[in-house]
C-alpha cells in the first residue's frame, strides 16, 4: 500500500509542476483567415523567432469581423493576442518585435 501512495504523490507533484509551468508561459493566439497575406507574415515572424502560437482560423465563421472586433477592437485579421490581451495586427507585431518588447514580454 505504501508504494501506491508514493506513486500517487509523485504523479500529483508532476501535475502541480506542469500546471505551474503552464501558468507562466505566455499564450499567443493568432486569429487568421486563409486569404490573408498579413496573417501568413505574422505567423512567419513568430515562427522565425521560435515563439509557439495557436492559430485560430476564422474561415468558417460568417461573423468573423464582429468576433475580431469584440476580441481586439479592430475589424481586420490577423489579430494577435498574448494571454488574451490584444496586441494588434501584423504591423503592431512587427513594431513590438523591432523594439525588443515582444521578446521581453514572452520571456518565460
PDB file of N, CA and C in Angstrom:
ATOM      1  N   UNK A   1       0.807  -1.195   0.000  1.00  0.00           N
ATOM      2  CA  UNK A   1       0.000   0.000   0.000  1.00  0.00           C
ATOM      3  C   UNK A   1       0.857   1.269   0.000  1.00  0.00           C
ATOM      4  N   UNK A   2       1.984   1.213   0.715  1.00  0.00           N
ATOM      5  CA  UNK A   2       2.838   2.400   0.778  1.00  0.00           C
ATOM      6  C   UNK A   2       3.350   2.776  -0.611  1.00  0.00           C
ATOM      7  N   UNK A   3       3.656   1.772  -1.436  1.00  0.00           N
ATOM      8  CA  UNK A   3       4.137   2.059  -2.782  1.00  0.00           C
ATOM      9  C   UNK A   3       3.082   2.768  -3.613  1.00  0.00           C
ATOM     10  N   UNK A   4       1.834   2.360  -3.450  1.00  0.00           N
ATOM     11  CA  UNK A   4       0.762   3.002  -4.210  1.00  0.00           C
ATOM     12  C   UNK A   4       0.609   4.457  -3.802  1.00  0.00           C
ATOM     13  N   UNK A   5       0.733   4.724  -2.494  1.00  0.00           N
ATOM     14  CA  UNK A   5       0.628   6.102  -2.013  1.00  0.00           C
ATOM     15  C   UNK A   5       1.745   6.966  -2.553  1.00  0.00           C
ATOM     16  N   UNK A   6       2.938   6.385  -2.628  1.00  0.00           N
ATOM     17  CA  UNK A   6       4.068   7.140  -3.154  1.00  0.00           C
ATOM     18  C   UNK A   6       3.862   7.461  -4.626  1.00  0.00           C
ATOM     19  N   UNK A   7       3.336   6.506  -5.369  1.00  0.00           N
ATOM     20  CA  UNK A   7       3.122   6.750  -6.799  1.00  0.00           C
ATOM     21  C   UNK A   7       2.107   7.859  -6.997  1.00  0.00           C
ATOM     22  N   UNK A   8       1.062   7.823  -6.193  1.00  0.00           N
ATOM     23  CA  UNK A   8       0.054   8.873  -6.315  1.00  0.00           C
ATOM     24  C   UNK A   8       0.650  10.237  -5.977  1.00  0.00           C
ATOM     25  N   UNK A   9       1.402  10.315  -4.910  1.00  0.00           N
ATOM     26  CA  UNK A   9       2.023  11.580  -4.522  1.00  0.00           C
ATOM     27  C   UNK A   9       2.995  12.084  -5.577  1.00  0.00           C
ATOM     28  N   UNK A  10       3.769  11.160  -6.145  1.00  0.00           N
ATOM     29  CA  UNK A  10       4.736  11.546  -7.171  1.00  0.00           C
ATOM     30  C   UNK A  10       4.019  12.097  -8.403  1.00  0.00           C
ATOM     31  N   UNK A  11       2.983  11.412  -8.834  1.00  0.00           N
ATOM     32  CA  UNK A  11       2.236  11.861 -10.017  1.00  0.00           C
ATOM     33  C   UNK A  11       1.604  13.215  -9.800  1.00  0.00           C
ATOM     34  N   UNK A  12       1.024  13.440  -8.629  1.00  0.00           N
ATOM     35  CA  UNK A  12       0.372  14.727  -8.388  1.00  0.00           C
ATOM     36  C   UNK A  12       1.396  15.852  -8.312  1.00  0.00           C
ATOM     37  N   UNK A  13       2.625  15.532  -7.833  1.00  0.00           N
ATOM     38  CA  UNK A  13       3.674  16.546  -7.804  1.00  0.00           C
ATOM     39  C   UNK A  13       4.061  16.982  -9.209  1.00  0.00           C
ATOM     40  N   UNK A  14       4.143  16.024 -10.117  1.00  0.00           N
ATOM     41  CA  UNK A  14       4.447  16.340 -11.515  1.00  0.00           C
ATOM     42  C   UNK A  14       3.328  17.176 -12.102  1.00  0.00           C
ATOM     43  N   UNK A  15       2.086  16.794 -11.809  1.00  0.00           N
ATOM     44  CA  UNK A  15       0.942  17.549 -12.311  1.00  0.00           C
ATOM     45  C   UNK A  15       0.981  18.992 -11.820  1.00  0.00           C
ATOM     46  N   UNK A  16       1.301  19.195 -10.552  1.00  0.00           N
ATOM     47  CA  UNK A  16       1.372  20.559  -9.997  1.00  0.00           C
ATOM     48  C   UNK A  16       2.475  21.366 -10.657  1.00  0.00           C
ATOM     49  N   UNK A  17       3.630  20.736 -10.896  1.00  0.00           N
ATOM     50  CA  UNK A  17       4.743  21.445 -11.548  1.00  0.00           C
ATOM     51  C   UNK A  17       4.367  21.809 -12.981  1.00  0.00           C
ATOM     52  N   UNK A  18       3.697  20.889 -13.677  1.00  0.00           N
ATOM     53  CA  UNK A  18       3.272  21.166 -15.040  1.00  0.00           C
ATOM     54  C   UNK A  18       2.272  22.310 -15.061  1.00  0.00           C
ATOM     55  N   UNK A  19       1.331  22.302 -14.134  1.00  0.00           N
ATOM     56  CA  UNK A  19       0.364  23.399 -14.056  1.00  0.00           C
ATOM     57  C   UNK A  19       1.068  24.714 -13.769  1.00  0.00           C
ATOM     58  N   UNK A  20       2.015  24.717 -12.842  1.00  0.00           N
ATOM     59  CA  UNK A  20       2.741  25.943 -12.515  1.00  0.00           C
ATOM     60  C   UNK A  20       3.503  26.445 -13.729  1.00  0.00           C
ATOM     61  N   UNK A  21       4.124  25.534 -14.482  1.00  0.00           N
ATOM     62  CA  UNK A  21       4.867  25.928 -15.670  1.00  0.00           C
ATOM     63  C   UNK A  21       3.946  26.562 -16.702  1.00  0.00           C
ATOM     64  N   UNK A  22       2.802  25.945 -16.952  1.00  0.00           N
ATOM     65  CA  UNK A  22       1.899  26.474 -17.969  1.00  0.00           C
ATOM     66  C   UNK A  22       1.271  27.786 -17.543  1.00  0.00           C
ATOM     67  N   UNK A  23       1.227  28.063 -16.260  1.00  0.00           N
ATOM     68  CA  UNK A  23       0.700  29.346 -15.799  1.00  0.00           C
ATOM     69  C   UNK A  23       1.620  30.503 -16.166  1.00  0.00           C
ATOM     70  N   UNK A  24       2.914  30.220 -16.316  1.00  0.00           N
ATOM     71  CA  UNK A  24       3.876  31.289 -16.564  1.00  0.00           C
ATOM     72  C   UNK A  24       4.320  31.387 -18.018  1.00  0.00           C
ATOM     73  N   UNK A  25       3.888  30.473 -18.865  1.00  0.00           N
ATOM     74  CA  UNK A  25       4.236  30.531 -20.284  1.00  0.00           C
ATOM     75  C   UNK A  25       3.156  31.334 -21.005  1.00  0.00           C
ATOM     76  N   UNK A  26       3.528  32.454 -21.579  1.00  0.00           N
ATOM     77  CA  UNK A  26       2.523  33.268 -22.272  1.00  0.00           C
ATOM     78  C   UNK A  26       1.894  32.502 -23.435  1.00  0.00           C
ATOM     79  N   UNK A  27       0.595  32.662 -23.595  1.00  0.00           N
ATOM     80  CA  UNK A  27      -0.104  32.009 -24.691  1.00  0.00           C
ATOM     81  C   UNK A  27      -0.352  33.028 -25.789  1.00  0.00           C
ATOM     82  N   UNK A  28       0.093  32.682 -26.993  1.00  0.00           N
ATOM     83  CA  UNK A  28      -0.102  33.541 -28.154  1.00  0.00           C
ATOM     84  C   UNK A  28      -1.174  32.904 -29.029  1.00  0.00           C
ATOM     85  N   UNK A  29      -2.179  33.685 -29.367  1.00  0.00           N
ATOM     86  CA  UNK A  29      -3.200  33.272 -30.319  1.00  0.00           C
ATOM     87  C   UNK A  29      -3.126  34.194 -31.524  1.00  0.00           C
ATOM     88  N   UNK A  30      -3.215  33.608 -32.716  1.00  0.00           N
ATOM     89  CA  UNK A  30      -3.230  34.379 -33.952  1.00  0.00           C
ATOM     90  C   UNK A  30      -4.529  34.034 -34.672  1.00  0.00           C
ATOM     91  N   UNK A  31      -5.426  35.000 -34.753  1.00  0.00           N
ATOM     92  CA  UNK A  31      -6.695  34.833 -35.443  1.00  0.00           C
ATOM     93  C   UNK A  31      -6.468  35.152 -36.912  1.00  0.00           C
ATOM     94  N   UNK A  32      -6.829  34.201 -37.784  1.00  0.00           N
ATOM     95  CA  UNK A  32      -6.483  34.309 -39.192  1.00  0.00           C
ATOM     96  C   UNK A  32      -7.646  33.923 -40.108  1.00  0.00           C
ATOM     97  N   UNK A  33      -7.460  34.216 -41.380  1.00  0.00           N
ATOM     98  CA  UNK A  33      -8.274  33.650 -42.455  1.00  0.00           C
ATOM     99  C   UNK A  33      -7.306  33.122 -43.507  1.00  0.00           C
ATOM    100  N   UNK A  34      -7.783  32.209 -44.328  1.00  0.00           N
ATOM    101  CA  UNK A  34      -6.934  31.595 -45.330  1.00  0.00           C
ATOM    102  C   UNK A  34      -6.506  32.527 -46.446  1.00  0.00           C
ATOM    103  N   UNK A  35      -7.217  33.610 -46.640  1.00  0.00           N
ATOM    104  CA  UNK A  35      -6.910  34.521 -47.752  1.00  0.00           C
ATOM    105  C   UNK A  35      -6.131  35.758 -47.300  1.00  0.00           C
ATOM    106  N   UNK A  36      -5.624  35.735 -46.096  1.00  0.00           N
ATOM    107  CA  UNK A  36      -4.976  36.907 -45.511  1.00  0.00           C
ATOM    108  C   UNK A  36      -3.454  36.807 -45.616  1.00  0.00           C
ATOM    109  N   UNK A  37      -2.860  37.659 -46.464  1.00  0.00           N
ATOM    110  CA  UNK A  37      -1.409  37.666 -46.621  1.00  0.00           C
ATOM    111  C   UNK A  37      -0.671  38.118 -45.371  1.00  0.00           C
ATOM    112  N   UNK A  38      -1.235  39.091 -44.656  1.00  0.00           N
ATOM    113  CA  UNK A  38      -0.570  39.564 -43.430  1.00  0.00           C
ATOM    114  C   UNK A  38      -0.646  38.521 -42.317  1.00  0.00           C
ATOM    115  N   UNK A  39      -1.641  37.631 -42.382  1.00  0.00           N
ATOM    116  CA  UNK A  39      -1.713  36.522 -41.420  1.00  0.00           C
ATOM    117  C   UNK A  39      -0.516  35.598 -41.608  1.00  0.00           C
ATOM    118  N   UNK A  40      -0.207  35.313 -42.873  1.00  0.00           N
ATOM    119  CA  UNK A  40       0.941  34.459 -43.189  1.00  0.00           C
ATOM    120  C   UNK A  40       2.227  35.105 -42.684  1.00  0.00           C
ATOM    121  N   UNK A  41       2.339  36.407 -42.873  1.00  0.00           N
ATOM    122  CA  UNK A  41       3.540  37.124 -42.407  1.00  0.00           C
ATOM    123  C   UNK A  41       3.649  37.126 -40.873  1.00  0.00           C
ATOM    124  N   UNK A  42       2.529  37.308 -40.193  1.00  0.00           N
ATOM    125  CA  UNK A  42       2.552  37.306 -38.721  1.00  0.00           C
ATOM    126  C   UNK A  42       3.006  35.942 -38.204  1.00  0.00           C
ATOM    127  N   UNK A  43       2.468  34.882 -38.789  1.00  0.00           N
ATOM    128  CA  UNK A  43       2.868  33.536 -38.366  1.00  0.00           C
ATOM    129  C   UNK A  43       4.335  33.277 -38.697  1.00  0.00           C
ATOM    130  N   UNK A  44       4.800  33.765 -39.841  1.00  0.00           N
ATOM    131  CA  UNK A  44       6.203  33.585 -40.227  1.00  0.00           C
ATOM    132  C   UNK A  44       7.129  34.306 -39.252  1.00  0.00           C
ATOM    133  N   UNK A  45       6.744  35.492 -38.814  1.00  0.00           N
ATOM    134  CA  UNK A  45       7.559  36.232 -37.856  1.00  0.00           C
ATOM    135  C   UNK A  45       7.654  35.453 -36.536  1.00  0.00           C
ATOM    136  N   UNK A  46       6.525  34.964 -36.050  1.00  0.00           N
ATOM    137  CA  UNK A  46       6.536  34.197 -34.798  1.00  0.00           C
ATOM    138  C   UNK A  46       7.342  32.912 -34.956  1.00  0.00           C
ATOM    139  N   UNK A  47       7.192  32.242 -36.104  1.00  0.00           N
ATOM    140  CA  UNK A  47       7.985  31.033 -36.374  1.00  0.00           C
ATOM    141  C   UNK A  47       9.475  31.350 -36.390  1.00  0.00           C
ATOM    142  N   UNK A  48       9.850  32.440 -37.050  1.00  0.00           N
ATOM    143  CA  UNK A  48      11.262  32.818 -37.157  1.00  0.00           C
ATOM    144  C   UNK A  48      11.869  33.115 -35.792  1.00  0.00           C
ATOM    145  N   UNK A  49      11.067  33.631 -34.880  1.00  0.00           N
ATOM    146  CA  UNK A  49      11.561  33.946 -33.538  1.00  0.00           C
ATOM    147  C   UNK A  49      11.466  32.751 -32.588  1.00  0.00           C
ATOM    148  N   UNK A  50      10.840  31.674 -33.061  1.00  0.00           N
ATOM    149  CA  UNK A  50      10.731  30.468 -32.232  1.00  0.00           C
ATOM    150  C   UNK A  50       9.633  30.530 -31.195  1.00  0.00           C
ATOM    151  N   UNK A  51       8.659  31.402 -31.389  1.00  0.00           N
ATOM    152  CA  UNK A  51       7.553  31.519 -30.436  1.00  0.00           C
ATOM    153  C   UNK A  51       6.414  30.601 -30.855  1.00  0.00           C
ATOM    154  N   UNK A  52       5.981  29.763 -29.944  1.00  0.00           N
ATOM    155  CA  UNK A  52       4.843  28.881 -30.210  1.00  0.00           C
ATOM    156  C   UNK A  52       3.563  29.708 -30.146  1.00  0.00           C
ATOM    157  N   UNK A  53       2.616  29.359 -30.991  1.00  0.00           N
ATOM    158  CA  UNK A  53       1.346  30.075 -31.005  1.00  0.00           C
ATOM    159  C   UNK A  53       0.243  29.117 -31.423  1.00  0.00           C
ATOM    160  N   UNK A  54      -0.971  29.525 -31.174  1.00  0.00           N
ATOM    161  CA  UNK A  54      -2.141  28.769 -31.600  1.00  0.00           C
ATOM    162  C   UNK A  54      -2.824  29.583 -32.690  1.00  0.00           C
ATOM    163  N   UNK A  55      -3.010  28.965 -33.843  1.00  0.00           N
ATOM    164  CA  UNK A  55      -3.718  29.641 -34.927  1.00  0.00           C
ATOM    165  C   UNK A  55      -5.202  29.353 -34.780  1.00  0.00           C
ATOM    166  N   UNK A  56      -5.995  30.413 -34.795  1.00  0.00           N
ATOM    167  CA  UNK A  56      -7.445  30.290 -34.723  1.00  0.00           C
ATOM    168  C   UNK A  56      -7.992  30.725 -36.078  1.00  0.00           C
ATOM    169  N   UNK A  57      -8.361  29.739 -36.892  1.00  0.00           N
ATOM    170  CA  UNK A  57      -8.873  30.030 -38.226  1.00  0.00           C
ATOM    171  C   UNK A  57     -10.323  30.492 -38.135  1.00  0.00           C
ATOM    172  N   UNK A  58     -10.599  31.606 -38.771  1.00  0.00           N
ATOM    173  CA  UNK A  58     -11.948  32.161 -38.778  1.00  0.00           C
ATOM    174  C   UNK A  58     -12.629  31.967 -40.133  1.00  0.00           C
ATOM    175  N   UNK A  59     -12.072  31.083 -40.955  1.00  0.00           N
ATOM    176  CA  UNK A  59     -12.609  30.853 -42.299  1.00  0.00           C
ATOM    177  C   UNK A  59     -14.075  30.435 -42.299  1.00  0.00           C
ATOM    178  N   UNK A  60     -14.476  29.662 -41.330  1.00  0.00           N
ATOM    179  CA  UNK A  60     -15.845  29.133 -41.303  1.00  0.00           C
ATOM    180  C   UNK A  60     -16.796  29.992 -40.470  1.00  0.00           C
ATOM    181  N   UNK A  61     -16.329  31.117 -39.986  1.00  0.00           N
ATOM    182  CA  UNK A  61     -17.145  31.977 -39.131  1.00  0.00           C
ATOM    183  C   UNK A  61     -17.688  33.144 -39.968  1.00  0.00           C
ATOM    184  N   UNK A  62     -18.986  33.107 -40.317  1.00  0.00           N
ATOM    185  CA  UNK A  62     -19.535  34.176 -41.162  1.00  0.00           C
ATOM    186  C   UNK A  62     -19.500  35.553 -40.481  1.00  0.00           C
ATOM    187  N   UNK A  63     -19.431  35.565 -39.174  1.00  0.00           N
ATOM    188  CA  UNK A  63     -19.386  36.836 -38.442  1.00  0.00           C
ATOM    189  C   UNK A  63     -17.988  37.086 -37.882  1.00  0.00           C
ATOM    190  N   UNK A  64     -16.947  36.640 -38.626  1.00  0.00           N
ATOM    191  CA  UNK A  64     -15.596  36.731 -38.068  1.00  0.00           C
ATOM    192  C   UNK A  64     -15.169  38.161 -37.776  1.00  0.00           C
ATOM    193  N   UNK A  65     -15.597  39.117 -38.578  1.00  0.00           N
ATOM    194  CA  UNK A  65     -15.186  40.512 -38.324  1.00  0.00           C
ATOM    195  C   UNK A  65     -15.734  41.005 -36.985  1.00  0.00           C
ATOM    196  N   UNK A  66     -16.942  40.646 -36.668  1.00  0.00           N
ATOM    197  CA  UNK A  66     -17.521  41.025 -35.385  1.00  0.00           C
ATOM    198  C   UNK A  66     -16.758  40.346 -34.242  1.00  0.00           C
ATOM    199  N   UNK A  67     -16.408  39.084 -34.427  1.00  0.00           N
ATOM    200  CA  UNK A  67     -15.648  38.362 -33.396  1.00  0.00           C
ATOM    201  C   UNK A  67     -14.284  39.012 -33.174  1.00  0.00           C
ATOM    202  N   UNK A  68     -13.602  39.351 -34.260  1.00  0.00           N
ATOM    203  CA  UNK A  68     -12.293  40.004 -34.150  1.00  0.00           C
ATOM    204  C   UNK A  68     -12.442  41.353 -33.449  1.00  0.00           C
ATOM    205  N   UNK A  69     -13.491  42.082 -33.786  1.00  0.00           N
ATOM    206  CA  UNK A  69     -13.703  43.380 -33.148  1.00  0.00           C
ATOM    207  C   UNK A  69     -13.940  43.217 -31.650  1.00  0.00           C
ATOM    208  N   UNK A  70     -14.727  42.236 -31.268  1.00  0.00           N
ATOM    209  CA  UNK A  70     -15.009  42.010 -29.851  1.00  0.00           C
ATOM    210  C   UNK A  70     -13.752  41.613 -29.083  1.00  0.00           C
ATOM    211  N   UNK A  71     -12.863  40.878 -29.733  1.00  0.00           N
ATOM    212  CA  UNK A  71     -11.627  40.438 -29.087  1.00  0.00           C
ATOM    213  C   UNK A  71     -10.563  41.524 -29.037  1.00  0.00           C
ATOM    214  N   UNK A  72     -10.452  42.305 -30.120  1.00  0.00           N
ATOM    215  CA  UNK A  72      -9.315  43.217 -30.209  1.00  0.00           C
ATOM    216  C   UNK A  72      -9.607  44.621 -30.647  1.00  0.00           C
ATOM    217  N   UNK A  73     -10.890  44.975 -30.771  1.00  0.00           N
ATOM    218  CA  UNK A  73     -11.273  46.330 -31.174  1.00  0.00           C
ATOM    219  C   UNK A  73     -10.665  46.729 -32.508  1.00  0.00           C
ATOM    220  N   UNK A  74     -10.590  45.756 -33.417  1.00  0.00           N
ATOM    221  CA  UNK A  74     -10.182  46.018 -34.791  1.00  0.00           C
ATOM    222  C   UNK A  74     -11.056  45.143 -35.674  1.00  0.00           C
ATOM    223  N   UNK A  75     -11.169  45.503 -36.932  1.00  0.00           N
ATOM    224  CA  UNK A  75     -12.054  44.785 -37.850  1.00  0.00           C
ATOM    225  C   UNK A  75     -11.315  43.796 -38.746  1.00  0.00           C
ATOM    226  N   UNK A  76      -9.994  43.797 -38.720  1.00  0.00           N
ATOM    227  CA  UNK A  76      -9.223  43.004 -39.674  1.00  0.00           C
ATOM    228  C   UNK A  76      -8.387  41.940 -38.986  1.00  0.00           C
ATOM    229  N   UNK A  77      -7.976  40.954 -39.789  1.00  0.00           N
ATOM    230  CA  UNK A  77      -7.041  39.937 -39.337  1.00  0.00           C
ATOM    231  C   UNK A  77      -5.706  40.189 -40.021  1.00  0.00           C
ATOM    232  N   UNK A  78      -4.613  39.767 -39.441  1.00  0.00           N
ATOM    233  CA  UNK A  78      -4.555  38.945 -38.250  1.00  0.00           C
ATOM    234  C   UNK A  78      -4.821  39.772 -36.998  1.00  0.00           C
ATOM    235  N   UNK A  79      -5.284  39.083 -36.000  1.00  0.00           N
ATOM    236  CA  UNK A  79      -5.360  39.651 -34.659  1.00  0.00           C
ATOM    237  C   UNK A  79      -4.478  38.777 -33.796  1.00  0.00           C
ATOM    238  N   UNK A  80      -3.492  39.369 -33.179  1.00  0.00           N
ATOM    239  CA  UNK A  80      -2.583  38.640 -32.303  1.00  0.00           C
ATOM    240  C   UNK A  80      -2.923  39.012 -30.868  1.00  0.00           C
ATOM    241  N   UNK A  81      -3.073  37.982 -30.034  1.00  0.00           N
ATOM    242  CA  UNK A  81      -3.277  38.222 -28.612  1.00  0.00           C
ATOM    243  C   UNK A  81      -2.210  37.467 -27.829  1.00  0.00           C
ATOM    244  N   UNK A  82      -1.808  38.039 -26.725  1.00  0.00           N
ATOM    245  CA  UNK A  82      -0.895  37.380 -25.792  1.00  0.00           C
ATOM    246  C   UNK A  82      -1.614  37.325 -24.460  1.00  0.00           C
ATOM    247  N   UNK A  83      -1.836  36.113 -23.991  1.00  0.00           N
ATOM    248  CA  UNK A  83      -2.598  35.901 -22.750  1.00  0.00           C
ATOM    249  C   UNK A  83      -3.931  36.642 -22.801  1.00  0.00           C
ATOM    250  N   UNK A  84      -4.610  36.530 -23.924  1.00  0.00           N
ATOM    251  CA  UNK A  84      -5.939  37.114 -24.156  1.00  0.00           C
ATOM    252  C   UNK A  84      -5.952  38.635 -24.204  1.00  0.00           C
ATOM    253  N   UNK A  85      -4.789  39.260 -24.205  1.00  0.00           N
ATOM    254  CA  UNK A  85      -4.710  40.716 -24.369  1.00  0.00           C
ATOM    255  C   UNK A  85      -4.351  41.018 -25.822  1.00  0.00           C
ATOM    256  N   UNK A  86      -5.149  41.824 -26.511  1.00  0.00           N
ATOM    257  CA  UNK A  86      -4.851  42.109 -27.910  1.00  0.00           C
ATOM    258  C   UNK A  86      -3.561  42.899 -28.085  1.00  0.00           C
ATOM    259  N   UNK A  87      -2.739  42.430 -29.015  1.00  0.00           N
ATOM    260  CA  UNK A  87      -1.514  43.121 -29.400  1.00  0.00           C
ATOM    261  C   UNK A  87      -1.805  43.999 -30.608  1.00  0.00           C
ATOM    262  N   UNK A  88      -2.651  43.484 -31.488  1.00  0.00           N
ATOM    263  CA  UNK A  88      -2.994  44.178 -32.720  1.00  0.00           C
ATOM    264  C   UNK A  88      -2.784  43.258 -33.899  1.00  0.00           C
ATOM    265  N   UNK A  89      -2.496  43.851 -35.040  1.00  0.00           N
ATOM    266  CA  UNK A  89      -2.286  43.087 -36.259  1.00  0.00           C
ATOM    267  C   UNK A  89      -0.813  42.907 -36.560  1.00  0.00           C
ATOM    268  N   UNK A  90      -0.535  42.637 -37.821  1.00  0.00           N
ATOM    269  CA  UNK A  90       0.837  42.380 -38.242  1.00  0.00           C
ATOM    270  C   UNK A  90       1.745  43.573 -37.978  1.00  0.00           C
ATOM    271  N   UNK A  91       1.307  44.748 -38.319  1.00  0.00           N
ATOM    272  CA  UNK A  91       2.166  45.934 -38.151  1.00  0.00           C
ATOM    273  C   UNK A  91       2.525  46.168 -36.688  1.00  0.00           C
ATOM    274  N   UNK A  92       1.576  45.973 -35.807  1.00  0.00           N
ATOM    275  CA  UNK A  92       1.846  46.141 -34.374  1.00  0.00           C
ATOM    276  C   UNK A  92       2.792  45.053 -33.869  1.00  0.00           C
ATOM    277  N   UNK A  93       2.624  43.839 -34.401  1.00  0.00           N
ATOM    278  CA  UNK A  93       3.514  42.741 -34.024  1.00  0.00           C
ATOM    279  C   UNK A  93       4.947  43.036 -34.454  1.00  0.00           C
ATOM    280  N   UNK A  94       5.110  43.549 -35.667  1.00  0.00           N
ATOM    281  CA  UNK A  94       6.449  43.910 -36.166  1.00  0.00           C
ATOM    282  C   UNK A  94       7.059  45.020 -35.310  1.00  0.00           C
ATOM    283  N   UNK A  95       6.262  46.009 -34.963  1.00  0.00           N
ATOM    284  CA  UNK A  95       6.769  47.111 -34.134  1.00  0.00           C
ATOM    285  C   UNK A  95       7.224  46.593 -32.768  1.00  0.00           C
ATOM    286  N   UNK A  96       6.450  45.708 -32.174  1.00  0.00           N
ATOM    287  CA  UNK A  96       6.857  45.115 -30.892  1.00  0.00           C
ATOM    288  C   UNK A  96       8.144  44.323 -31.043  1.00  0.00           C
ATOM    289  N   UNK A  97       8.252  43.577 -32.137  1.00  0.00           N
ATOM    290  CA  UNK A  97       9.445  42.769 -32.374  1.00  0.00           C
ATOM    291  C   UNK A  97      10.672  43.658 -32.558  1.00  0.00           C
ATOM    292  N   UNK A  98      10.552  44.686 -33.373  1.00  0.00           N
ATOM    293  CA  UNK A  98      11.695  45.569 -33.636  1.00  0.00           C
ATOM    294  C   UNK A  98      12.157  46.326 -32.394  1.00  0.00           C
ATOM    295  N   UNK A  99      11.216  46.632 -31.522  1.00  0.00           N
ATOM    296  CA  UNK A  99      11.576  47.363 -30.297  1.00  0.00           C
ATOM    297  C   UNK A  99      12.172  46.451 -29.222  1.00  0.00           C
ATOM    298  N   UNK A 100      12.044  45.138 -29.423  1.00  0.00           N
ATOM    299  CA  UNK A 100      12.532  44.194 -28.415  1.00  0.00           C
ATOM    300  C   UNK A 100      11.487  43.860 -27.356  1.00  0.00           C
ATOM    301  N   UNK A 101      10.368  44.564 -27.405  1.00  0.00           N
ATOM    302  CA  UNK A 101       9.331  44.350 -26.389  1.00  0.00           C
ATOM    303  C   UNK A 101       8.610  43.014 -26.545  1.00  0.00           C
ATOM    304  N   UNK A 102       8.562  42.476 -27.776  1.00  0.00           N
ATOM    305  CA  UNK A 102       7.915  41.188 -27.972  1.00  0.00           C
ATOM    306  C   UNK A 102       8.696  40.095 -27.244  1.00  0.00           C
ATOM    307  N   UNK A 103       9.985  40.043 -27.471  1.00  0.00           N
ATOM    308  CA  UNK A 103      10.822  39.035 -26.806  1.00  0.00           C
ATOM    309  C   UNK A 103      10.783  39.226 -25.285  1.00  0.00           C
ATOM    310  N   UNK A 104      10.821  40.471 -24.860  1.00  0.00           N
ATOM    311  CA  UNK A 104      10.771  40.756 -23.426  1.00  0.00           C
ATOM    312  C   UNK A 104       9.462  40.265 -22.815  1.00  0.00           C
ATOM    313  N   UNK A 105       8.379  40.542 -23.499  1.00  0.00           N
ATOM    314  CA  UNK A 105       7.054  40.155 -22.988  1.00  0.00           C
ATOM    315  C   UNK A 105       6.876  38.646 -22.963  1.00  0.00           C
ATOM    316  N   UNK A 106       7.510  37.953 -23.906  1.00  0.00           N
ATOM    317  CA  UNK A 106       7.351  36.499 -23.990  1.00  0.00           C
ATOM    318  C   UNK A 106       8.426  35.722 -23.264  1.00  0.00           C
ATOM    319  N   UNK A 107       9.394  36.418 -22.675  1.00  0.00           N
ATOM    320  CA  UNK A 107      10.429  35.730 -21.906  1.00  0.00           C
ATOM    321  C   UNK A 107       9.789  35.038 -20.716  1.00  0.00           C
ATOM    322  N   UNK A 108      10.057  33.754 -20.616  1.00  0.00           N
ATOM    323  CA  UNK A 108       9.431  32.976 -19.539  1.00  0.00           C
ATOM    324  C   UNK A 108      10.285  32.963 -18.294  1.00  0.00           C
TER     325      UNK A 108
END
